[in-house]
Each structure stands twice: as C-alpha cells, then as structure tokens.
Amino acid sequence: MTTDIYTKKILIFGCGNTLFANDGFGPAVVEHLNRNYTLPDTALALDAGTGIRDFMFDLLLMEDKPEMLIVVDAVTVPSRSPGEVFDIDLTDVPREKLSDFSLHQSPSSNLLKELKDEGGVDVRVIGMHTDAIPNEINPGLAPEVEAAVPRACQRIMELLKDK
C-alpha cells in the first residue's frame, strides 16, 4: 500500500504515535476514514506514524508529485480548546520559525512549505489541539480527542468534495 504514494494524486497522512495517548490522533483519523468513508480512487489515506518525514523526502524527490497532501496531527495551541479541530495555514508560521516549528514531532513546516511552494502541491494541515502528550507509554485517546476524530474526517471529506 505504501507504494501507492507514488501514484495517487491525493495523499492523506495521519501523523503520531498511538502509544502516547492523544499523539495517536492522526492515525486514529486515518483508521476511521478508511473504515467509514469511501475515498476517491485517486486518494490514499495512510497512517504515517512517526515516519512522515521519510515520506515527505520521497515526495520532494519525486518528479510526478501528488496534487494534494493533507496532514492530520495533534498539536498544542494554547488558544484552542482540547479536541478542537482546525486548519493550520503554513503562511501563519513566522519565517524564522519555519525550521523549528513542527506539528507534534511530525513534518517540519519547512518541508511542507517546500512541497507547496516549489513542488506545486496543495498542502493542507488539519490540527487538533491537545493539552498534553505523555512522556511515557499510555495508549488511547482522551474522550474529547476521540470525539474529534469524526470531525476531522468530515473536514477531510469537505476538502475532497470536488476531487
């Protein structure tokens, strides 16, 4: 299935580590999406776990890049409510912070920005605010994060509506 990243026009990557509580949000969204929705034939939803940087480097090197990349991840944004799902605009990240801003240990936004600006890929990032990610193994999502999974899937389907 991972070889499909080289042929699909739309890629959806769920980022995070399911062993660390709410960090498993991205993979949970991909699992829910694949079980409960019919994606266009041109789309692939993949649990990228903590290895999305490897996929991103592959995408940057590919001659035929996908048209759209959707990244789903848990983030910490103090001005948001726990479980809140929202779009993250890469242009809102200050230029001097591009290299160190990360979506909870997933792709740094400079790689996403490079795919968008130089690769011509429509890059979308869907974040979900979480108060904390534990430092020790603690599988499972908090109730507010579990409730956010279908909302993130609905947002993805909105983005795919005309694809």
N, C-alpha and C. Protein backbone atom coordinates (compact mmCIF):
# COMPACT_ATOMS: atom_id res chain seq x y z
N MET A 1 0.81 -1.20 0.00
CA MET A 1 0.00 0.00 0.00
C MET A 1 0.86 1.26 0.00
N THR A 2 2.02 1.24 0.65
CA THR A 2 2.84 2.45 0.68
C THR A 2 3.39 2.81 -0.69
N THR A 3 3.48 1.85 -1.60
CA THR A 3 3.94 2.18 -2.95
C THR A 3 2.91 3.04 -3.68
N ASP A 4 1.66 3.04 -3.20
CA ASP A 4 0.63 3.88 -3.81
C ASP A 4 0.93 5.36 -3.65
N ILE A 5 1.81 5.72 -2.72
CA ILE A 5 2.11 7.15 -2.58
C ILE A 5 2.76 7.69 -3.84
N TYR A 6 3.30 6.82 -4.66
CA TYR A 6 3.95 7.26 -5.89
C TYR A 6 2.98 7.43 -7.05
N THR A 7 1.74 6.98 -6.88
CA THR A 7 0.78 7.04 -7.99
C THR A 7 -0.49 7.82 -7.67
N LYS A 8 -0.82 7.97 -6.42
CA LYS A 8 -2.07 8.65 -6.05
C LYS A 8 -1.91 10.16 -6.15
N LYS A 9 -2.98 10.82 -6.57
CA LYS A 9 -2.96 12.27 -6.72
C LYS A 9 -3.24 13.00 -5.41
N ILE A 10 -3.90 12.30 -4.48
CA ILE A 10 -4.24 12.89 -3.19
C ILE A 10 -3.73 11.96 -2.09
N LEU A 11 -2.90 12.51 -1.21
CA LEU A 11 -2.37 11.73 -0.09
C LEU A 11 -2.84 12.34 1.22
N ILE A 12 -3.28 11.49 2.12
CA ILE A 12 -3.71 11.91 3.45
C ILE A 12 -2.84 11.15 4.44
N PHE A 13 -2.05 11.88 5.19
CA PHE A 13 -1.15 11.26 6.17
C PHE A 13 -1.62 11.57 7.58
N GLY A 14 -1.87 10.52 8.35
CA GLY A 14 -2.15 10.67 9.77
C GLY A 14 -0.85 10.52 10.53
N CYS A 15 -0.45 11.55 11.26
CA CYS A 15 0.82 11.56 11.97
C CYS A 15 0.61 11.30 13.46
N GLY A 16 1.57 10.63 14.06
CA GLY A 16 1.53 10.47 15.50
C GLY A 16 1.86 9.07 15.95
N ASN A 17 2.05 8.94 17.25
CA ASN A 17 2.41 7.68 17.87
C ASN A 17 1.26 7.21 18.75
N THR A 18 0.65 6.12 18.38
CA THR A 18 -0.52 5.61 19.11
C THR A 18 -0.18 5.14 20.52
N LEU A 19 1.07 4.97 20.82
CA LEU A 19 1.47 4.55 22.17
C LEU A 19 1.48 5.71 23.17
N PHE A 20 1.37 6.93 22.67
CA PHE A 20 1.46 8.10 23.53
C PHE A 20 0.16 8.91 23.51
N ALA A 21 -0.90 8.27 23.96
CA ALA A 21 -2.20 8.90 24.18
C ALA A 21 -2.65 9.72 22.97
N ASN A 22 -2.92 11.00 23.19
CA ASN A 22 -3.52 11.85 22.16
C ASN A 22 -2.63 12.06 20.94
N ASP A 23 -1.37 11.70 21.04
CA ASP A 23 -0.49 11.78 19.87
C ASP A 23 -0.97 10.83 18.78
N GLY A 24 -1.79 9.86 19.14
CA GLY A 24 -2.34 8.91 18.18
C GLY A 24 -3.53 9.43 17.40
N PHE A 25 -3.82 10.72 17.52
CA PHE A 25 -4.97 11.31 16.83
C PHE A 25 -4.90 11.11 15.31
N GLY A 26 -3.79 11.46 14.69
CA GLY A 26 -3.65 11.35 13.24
C GLY A 26 -3.90 9.93 12.74
N PRO A 27 -3.24 8.92 13.32
CA PRO A 27 -3.52 7.54 12.92
C PRO A 27 -4.98 7.13 13.16
N ALA A 28 -5.59 7.62 14.24
CA ALA A 28 -7.00 7.29 14.51
C ALA A 28 -7.91 7.88 13.44
N VAL A 29 -7.59 9.07 12.97
CA VAL A 29 -8.38 9.69 11.91
C VAL A 29 -8.29 8.87 10.63
N VAL A 30 -7.09 8.46 10.26
CA VAL A 30 -6.90 7.65 9.05
C VAL A 30 -7.65 6.33 9.16
N GLU A 31 -7.58 5.68 10.31
CA GLU A 31 -8.29 4.42 10.51
C GLU A 31 -9.80 4.63 10.38
N HIS A 32 -10.33 5.67 11.00
CA HIS A 32 -11.77 5.96 10.92
C HIS A 32 -12.18 6.31 9.48
N LEU A 33 -11.36 7.07 8.82
CA LEU A 33 -11.62 7.47 7.44
C LEU A 33 -11.68 6.25 6.53
N ASN A 34 -10.71 5.36 6.64
CA ASN A 34 -10.67 4.17 5.79
C ASN A 34 -11.81 3.19 6.10
N ARG A 35 -12.27 3.16 7.33
CA ARG A 35 -13.35 2.24 7.70
C ARG A 35 -14.74 2.76 7.37
N ASN A 36 -14.93 4.08 7.42
CA ASN A 36 -16.27 4.64 7.37
C ASN A 36 -16.58 5.52 6.17
N TYR A 37 -15.61 5.78 5.33
CA TYR A 37 -15.82 6.66 4.19
C TYR A 37 -15.28 6.00 2.93
N THR A 38 -15.82 6.42 1.80
CA THR A 38 -15.31 5.98 0.51
C THR A 38 -14.50 7.14 -0.08
N LEU A 39 -13.23 6.91 -0.18
CA LEU A 39 -12.35 7.94 -0.74
C LEU A 39 -12.36 7.85 -2.26
N PRO A 40 -12.07 8.95 -2.94
CA PRO A 40 -11.93 8.88 -4.39
C PRO A 40 -10.82 7.88 -4.75
N ASP A 41 -10.93 7.29 -5.94
CA ASP A 41 -9.91 6.33 -6.39
C ASP A 41 -8.52 6.95 -6.47
N THR A 42 -8.48 8.26 -6.59
CA THR A 42 -7.20 8.96 -6.72
C THR A 42 -6.57 9.29 -5.37
N ALA A 43 -7.23 8.88 -4.26
CA ALA A 43 -6.76 9.25 -2.92
C ALA A 43 -6.29 8.04 -2.13
N LEU A 44 -5.35 8.29 -1.23
CA LEU A 44 -4.84 7.27 -0.31
C LEU A 44 -4.72 7.90 1.07
N ALA A 45 -5.31 7.25 2.08
CA ALA A 45 -5.16 7.68 3.47
C ALA A 45 -4.24 6.67 4.15
N LEU A 46 -3.16 7.17 4.73
CA LEU A 46 -2.12 6.31 5.26
C LEU A 46 -1.72 6.75 6.67
N ASP A 47 -1.60 5.78 7.57
CA ASP A 47 -1.06 6.03 8.90
C ASP A 47 0.45 6.15 8.73
N ALA A 48 0.95 7.38 8.80
CA ALA A 48 2.38 7.61 8.63
C ALA A 48 3.12 7.48 9.95
N GLY A 49 2.38 7.33 11.03
CA GLY A 49 3.01 7.18 12.34
C GLY A 49 3.97 8.32 12.61
N THR A 50 5.17 7.98 13.02
CA THR A 50 6.20 8.99 13.27
C THR A 50 7.19 9.07 12.12
N GLY A 51 6.90 8.40 11.01
CA GLY A 51 7.82 8.35 9.88
C GLY A 51 7.45 9.23 8.72
N ILE A 52 6.64 10.25 8.95
CA ILE A 52 6.19 11.06 7.82
C ILE A 52 7.34 11.80 7.14
N ARG A 53 8.37 12.15 7.86
CA ARG A 53 9.49 12.85 7.21
C ARG A 53 10.08 12.01 6.08
N ASP A 54 10.14 10.70 6.27
CA ASP A 54 10.64 9.83 5.20
C ASP A 54 9.76 9.94 3.96
N PHE A 55 8.44 9.90 4.16
CA PHE A 55 7.51 10.05 3.03
C PHE A 55 7.68 11.42 2.39
N MET A 56 7.84 12.45 3.21
CA MET A 56 7.95 13.81 2.68
C MET A 56 9.20 13.96 1.81
N PHE A 57 10.31 13.39 2.26
CA PHE A 57 11.53 13.47 1.44
C PHE A 57 11.32 12.74 0.11
N ASP A 58 10.65 11.59 0.15
CA ASP A 58 10.33 10.89 -1.10
C ASP A 58 9.49 11.78 -2.01
N LEU A 59 8.48 12.43 -1.45
CA LEU A 59 7.61 13.30 -2.25
C LEU A 59 8.40 14.46 -2.85
N LEU A 60 9.30 15.03 -2.08
CA LEU A 60 10.11 16.14 -2.59
C LEU A 60 10.98 15.72 -3.76
N LEU A 61 11.44 14.48 -3.75
CA LEU A 61 12.33 13.99 -4.80
C LEU A 61 11.59 13.45 -6.02
N MET A 62 10.30 13.19 -5.88
CA MET A 62 9.53 12.62 -6.98
C MET A 62 9.34 13.63 -8.10
N GLU A 63 9.44 13.14 -9.32
CA GLU A 63 9.19 14.02 -10.46
C GLU A 63 7.70 14.33 -10.56
N ASP A 64 6.85 13.31 -10.46
CA ASP A 64 5.40 13.49 -10.51
C ASP A 64 4.87 13.51 -9.09
N LYS A 65 4.65 14.71 -8.59
CA LYS A 65 4.19 14.88 -7.22
C LYS A 65 2.66 14.77 -7.16
N PRO A 66 2.13 14.47 -5.98
CA PRO A 66 0.67 14.46 -5.86
C PRO A 66 0.13 15.88 -6.03
N GLU A 67 -1.15 15.97 -6.34
CA GLU A 67 -1.79 17.28 -6.45
C GLU A 67 -2.09 17.87 -5.08
N MET A 68 -2.44 16.98 -4.13
CA MET A 68 -2.84 17.44 -2.81
C MET A 68 -2.25 16.55 -1.74
N LEU A 69 -1.83 17.17 -0.65
CA LEU A 69 -1.35 16.46 0.53
C LEU A 69 -2.09 17.01 1.74
N ILE A 70 -2.75 16.12 2.47
CA ILE A 70 -3.44 16.51 3.71
C ILE A 70 -2.72 15.82 4.86
N VAL A 71 -2.27 16.61 5.82
CA VAL A 71 -1.58 16.09 7.00
C VAL A 71 -2.49 16.30 8.20
N VAL A 72 -2.68 15.24 8.99
CA VAL A 72 -3.52 15.31 10.18
C VAL A 72 -2.65 15.00 11.39
N ASP A 73 -2.70 15.89 12.39
CA ASP A 73 -1.82 15.71 13.54
C ASP A 73 -2.38 16.38 14.78
N ALA A 74 -1.95 15.89 15.93
CA ALA A 74 -2.23 16.53 17.21
C ALA A 74 -1.21 17.65 17.41
N VAL A 75 -1.69 18.79 17.85
CA VAL A 75 -0.82 19.94 18.10
C VAL A 75 -1.20 20.56 19.44
N THR A 76 -0.33 21.38 19.94
CA THR A 76 -0.63 22.12 21.16
C THR A 76 -0.67 23.60 20.82
N VAL A 77 -1.86 24.17 20.89
CA VAL A 77 -2.07 25.59 20.62
C VAL A 77 -2.88 26.13 21.80
N PRO A 78 -2.23 26.79 22.74
CA PRO A 78 -2.89 27.19 23.98
C PRO A 78 -4.18 27.99 23.81
N SER A 79 -4.33 28.69 22.70
CA SER A 79 -5.54 29.49 22.49
C SER A 79 -6.74 28.63 22.04
N ARG A 80 -6.52 27.35 21.80
CA ARG A 80 -7.58 26.44 21.35
C ARG A 80 -8.10 25.58 22.50
N SER A 81 -9.27 25.00 22.30
CA SER A 81 -9.87 24.11 23.30
C SER A 81 -9.45 22.67 23.01
N PRO A 82 -9.29 21.85 24.05
CA PRO A 82 -8.94 20.43 23.83
C PRO A 82 -9.96 19.75 22.92
N GLY A 83 -9.45 19.06 21.92
CA GLY A 83 -10.31 18.37 20.96
C GLY A 83 -10.76 19.23 19.79
N GLU A 84 -10.41 20.50 19.80
CA GLU A 84 -10.81 21.40 18.71
C GLU A 84 -10.04 21.06 17.44
N VAL A 85 -10.76 20.90 16.34
CA VAL A 85 -10.18 20.58 15.03
C VAL A 85 -10.15 21.86 14.21
N PHE A 86 -9.01 22.13 13.58
CA PHE A 86 -8.88 23.37 12.83
C PHE A 86 -7.82 23.22 11.75
N ASP A 87 -7.92 24.07 10.74
CA ASP A 87 -6.93 24.11 9.67
C ASP A 87 -5.74 24.95 10.14
N ILE A 88 -4.56 24.52 9.77
CA ILE A 88 -3.34 25.27 10.07
C ILE A 88 -2.82 25.82 8.75
N ASP A 89 -2.71 27.13 8.67
CA ASP A 89 -2.20 27.78 7.47
C ASP A 89 -0.68 27.94 7.61
N LEU A 90 0.05 27.33 6.70
CA LEU A 90 1.51 27.39 6.78
C LEU A 90 2.05 28.81 6.67
N THR A 91 1.28 29.69 6.04
CA THR A 91 1.75 31.08 5.92
C THR A 91 1.65 31.82 7.24
N ASP A 92 0.92 31.26 8.21
CA ASP A 92 0.82 31.89 9.53
C ASP A 92 2.02 31.60 10.41
N VAL A 93 2.85 30.66 10.00
CA VAL A 93 4.03 30.32 10.78
C VAL A 93 5.12 31.33 10.42
N PRO A 94 5.64 32.06 11.40
CA PRO A 94 6.68 33.06 11.08
C PRO A 94 7.87 32.42 10.37
N ARG A 95 8.43 33.14 9.41
CA ARG A 95 9.53 32.63 8.59
C ARG A 95 10.71 32.13 9.45
N GLU A 96 11.04 32.88 10.49
CA GLU A 96 12.17 32.47 11.33
C GLU A 96 11.87 31.23 12.15
N LYS A 97 10.61 30.85 12.23
CA LYS A 97 10.22 29.66 12.99
C LYS A 97 9.98 28.44 12.09
N LEU A 98 10.08 28.61 10.78
CA LEU A 98 9.76 27.50 9.88
C LEU A 98 10.60 26.26 10.13
N SER A 99 11.87 26.46 10.42
CA SER A 99 12.73 25.29 10.57
C SER A 99 12.53 24.56 11.89
N ASP A 100 12.00 25.24 12.91
CA ASP A 100 11.83 24.54 14.18
C ASP A 100 10.38 24.30 14.55
N PHE A 101 9.45 24.88 13.82
CA PHE A 101 8.03 24.62 14.07
C PHE A 101 7.71 23.22 13.59
N SER A 102 7.10 22.45 14.43
CA SER A 102 6.71 21.12 13.99
C SER A 102 5.32 20.82 14.48
N LEU A 103 4.66 19.96 13.77
CA LEU A 103 3.32 19.53 14.12
C LEU A 103 3.46 18.29 14.97
N HIS A 104 3.75 18.49 16.19
CA HIS A 104 3.97 17.45 17.18
C HIS A 104 4.86 16.32 16.68
N GLN A 105 6.10 16.65 16.49
CA GLN A 105 7.13 15.70 16.08
C GLN A 105 6.84 15.06 14.73
N SER A 106 6.15 15.75 13.89
CA SER A 106 5.90 15.25 12.55
C SER A 106 6.63 16.14 11.56
N PRO A 107 6.10 16.34 10.37
CA PRO A 107 6.90 17.05 9.39
C PRO A 107 7.12 18.49 9.79
N SER A 108 8.33 18.94 9.69
CA SER A 108 8.53 20.35 9.97
C SER A 108 7.89 21.13 8.85
N SER A 109 7.38 22.28 9.19
CA SER A 109 6.61 23.02 8.20
C SER A 109 7.45 23.51 7.04
N ASN A 110 8.78 23.55 7.20
CA ASN A 110 9.59 23.96 6.04
C ASN A 110 9.51 22.92 4.93
N LEU A 111 9.41 21.63 5.27
CA LEU A 111 9.24 20.60 4.24
C LEU A 111 7.87 20.74 3.57
N LEU A 112 6.86 20.99 4.37
CA LEU A 112 5.52 21.18 3.81
C LEU A 112 5.49 22.42 2.91
N LYS A 113 6.11 23.49 3.38
CA LYS A 113 6.14 24.72 2.59
C LYS A 113 6.91 24.52 1.29
N GLU A 114 7.98 23.77 1.33
CA GLU A 114 8.74 23.49 0.11
C GLU A 114 7.90 22.69 -0.88
N LEU A 115 7.17 21.70 -0.39
CA LEU A 115 6.28 20.93 -1.28
C LEU A 115 5.24 21.84 -1.91
N LYS A 116 4.73 22.77 -1.12
CA LYS A 116 3.70 23.68 -1.62
C LYS A 116 4.29 24.70 -2.60
N ASP A 117 5.33 25.39 -2.18
CA ASP A 117 5.87 26.49 -2.99
C ASP A 117 6.67 26.03 -4.19
N GLU A 118 7.51 25.04 -4.01
CA GLU A 118 8.38 24.61 -5.10
C GLU A 118 7.85 23.40 -5.85
N GLY A 119 7.04 22.59 -5.17
CA GLY A 119 6.52 21.39 -5.80
C GLY A 119 5.13 21.55 -6.40
N GLY A 120 4.46 22.67 -6.08
CA GLY A 120 3.13 22.91 -6.61
C GLY A 120 2.04 22.04 -6.00
N VAL A 121 2.31 21.48 -4.82
CA VAL A 121 1.34 20.60 -4.16
C VAL A 121 0.42 21.45 -3.28
N ASP A 122 -0.88 21.18 -3.36
CA ASP A 122 -1.86 21.83 -2.48
C ASP A 122 -1.74 21.16 -1.11
N VAL A 123 -1.02 21.80 -0.19
CA VAL A 123 -0.76 21.23 1.13
C VAL A 123 -1.77 21.77 2.13
N ARG A 124 -2.46 20.86 2.81
CA ARG A 124 -3.42 21.22 3.85
C ARG A 124 -3.01 20.52 5.14
N VAL A 125 -3.12 21.23 6.24
CA VAL A 125 -2.80 20.65 7.54
C VAL A 125 -4.02 20.80 8.44
N ILE A 126 -4.47 19.67 8.97
CA ILE A 126 -5.59 19.67 9.91
C ILE A 126 -5.02 19.32 11.28
N GLY A 127 -5.16 20.25 12.19
CA GLY A 127 -4.66 20.05 13.54
C GLY A 127 -5.80 19.82 14.52
N MET A 128 -5.47 19.19 15.62
CA MET A 128 -6.40 19.00 16.72
C MET A 128 -5.64 19.35 17.99
N HIS A 129 -6.17 20.31 18.74
CA HIS A 129 -5.48 20.74 19.96
C HIS A 129 -5.59 19.70 21.05
N THR A 130 -4.44 19.38 21.61
CA THR A 130 -4.38 18.52 22.79
C THR A 130 -3.60 19.24 23.87
N ASP A 131 -4.06 19.10 25.10
CA ASP A 131 -3.36 19.76 26.21
C ASP A 131 -1.98 19.17 26.45
N ALA A 132 -1.88 17.86 26.29
CA ALA A 132 -0.60 17.24 26.64
C ALA A 132 -0.42 15.91 25.93
N ILE A 133 0.83 15.60 25.67
CA ILE A 133 1.24 14.28 25.19
C ILE A 133 2.13 13.72 26.29
N PRO A 134 1.83 12.53 26.78
CA PRO A 134 2.63 11.99 27.89
C PRO A 134 4.05 11.65 27.46
N ASN A 135 4.94 11.61 28.42
CA ASN A 135 6.33 11.22 28.16
C ASN A 135 6.54 9.73 28.30
N GLU A 136 5.55 9.03 28.81
CA GLU A 136 5.64 7.59 28.97
C GLU A 136 4.53 6.92 28.16
N ILE A 137 4.70 5.65 27.89
CA ILE A 137 3.71 4.91 27.11
C ILE A 137 2.37 4.93 27.83
N ASN A 138 1.34 5.34 27.08
CA ASN A 138 0.00 5.47 27.62
C ASN A 138 -0.99 5.45 26.45
N PRO A 139 -1.26 4.27 25.87
CA PRO A 139 -2.11 4.21 24.68
C PRO A 139 -3.54 4.66 24.96
N GLY A 140 -4.20 5.13 23.91
CA GLY A 140 -5.60 5.51 24.00
C GLY A 140 -5.78 7.01 23.95
N LEU A 141 -6.91 7.41 23.38
CA LEU A 141 -7.22 8.83 23.24
C LEU A 141 -8.14 9.29 24.36
N ALA A 142 -7.98 10.54 24.77
CA ALA A 142 -8.90 11.15 25.73
C ALA A 142 -10.27 11.28 25.06
N PRO A 143 -11.36 11.31 25.84
CA PRO A 143 -12.71 11.38 25.25
C PRO A 143 -12.89 12.54 24.27
N GLU A 144 -12.36 13.73 24.60
CA GLU A 144 -12.53 14.87 23.70
C GLU A 144 -11.75 14.69 22.40
N VAL A 145 -10.66 13.95 22.46
CA VAL A 145 -9.87 13.68 21.25
C VAL A 145 -10.57 12.61 20.42
N GLU A 146 -11.08 11.59 21.06
CA GLU A 146 -11.85 10.55 20.37
C GLU A 146 -13.04 11.17 19.64
N ALA A 147 -13.70 12.13 20.29
CA ALA A 147 -14.85 12.81 19.68
C ALA A 147 -14.44 13.68 18.50
N ALA A 148 -13.18 14.10 18.46
CA ALA A 148 -12.69 14.95 17.38
C ALA A 148 -12.39 14.16 16.11
N VAL A 149 -12.22 12.85 16.22
CA VAL A 149 -11.85 12.02 15.07
C VAL A 149 -12.88 12.14 13.94
N PRO A 150 -14.19 11.95 14.18
CA PRO A 150 -15.15 12.09 13.09
C PRO A 150 -15.19 13.51 12.51
N ARG A 151 -14.98 14.51 13.34
CA ARG A 151 -14.98 15.90 12.84
C ARG A 151 -13.81 16.12 11.88
N ALA A 152 -12.67 15.56 12.19
CA ALA A 152 -11.52 15.68 11.28
C ALA A 152 -11.81 14.95 9.97
N CYS A 153 -12.45 13.80 10.05
CA CYS A 153 -12.81 13.05 8.83
C CYS A 153 -13.78 13.86 7.98
N GLN A 154 -14.74 14.50 8.62
CA GLN A 154 -15.68 15.34 7.87
C GLN A 154 -14.95 16.48 7.16
N ARG A 155 -13.98 17.07 7.84
CA ARG A 155 -13.21 18.15 7.23
C ARG A 155 -12.43 17.64 6.02
N ILE A 156 -11.84 16.47 6.15
CA ILE A 156 -11.12 15.87 5.02
C ILE A 156 -12.06 15.65 3.85
N MET A 157 -13.23 15.11 4.12
CA MET A 157 -14.18 14.85 3.04
C MET A 157 -14.63 16.15 2.38
N GLU A 158 -14.73 17.24 3.15
CA GLU A 158 -15.04 18.55 2.56
C GLU A 158 -13.93 18.96 1.58
N LEU A 159 -12.69 18.74 1.97
CA LEU A 159 -11.57 19.10 1.10
C LEU A 159 -11.54 18.25 -0.17
N LEU A 160 -12.05 17.03 -0.07
CA LEU A 160 -12.04 16.12 -1.22
C LEU A 160 -13.29 16.22 -2.08
N LYS A 161 -14.23 17.04 -1.67
CA LYS A 161 -15.54 17.11 -2.32
C LYS A 161 -15.48 17.24 -3.83
N ASP A 162 -14.61 18.05 -4.34
CA ASP A 162 -14.55 18.29 -5.79
C ASP A 162 -13.41 17.54 -6.46
N LYS A 163 -12.87 16.54 -5.80
CA LYS A 163 -11.71 15.82 -6.35
C LYS A 163 -12.12 14.53 -7.01
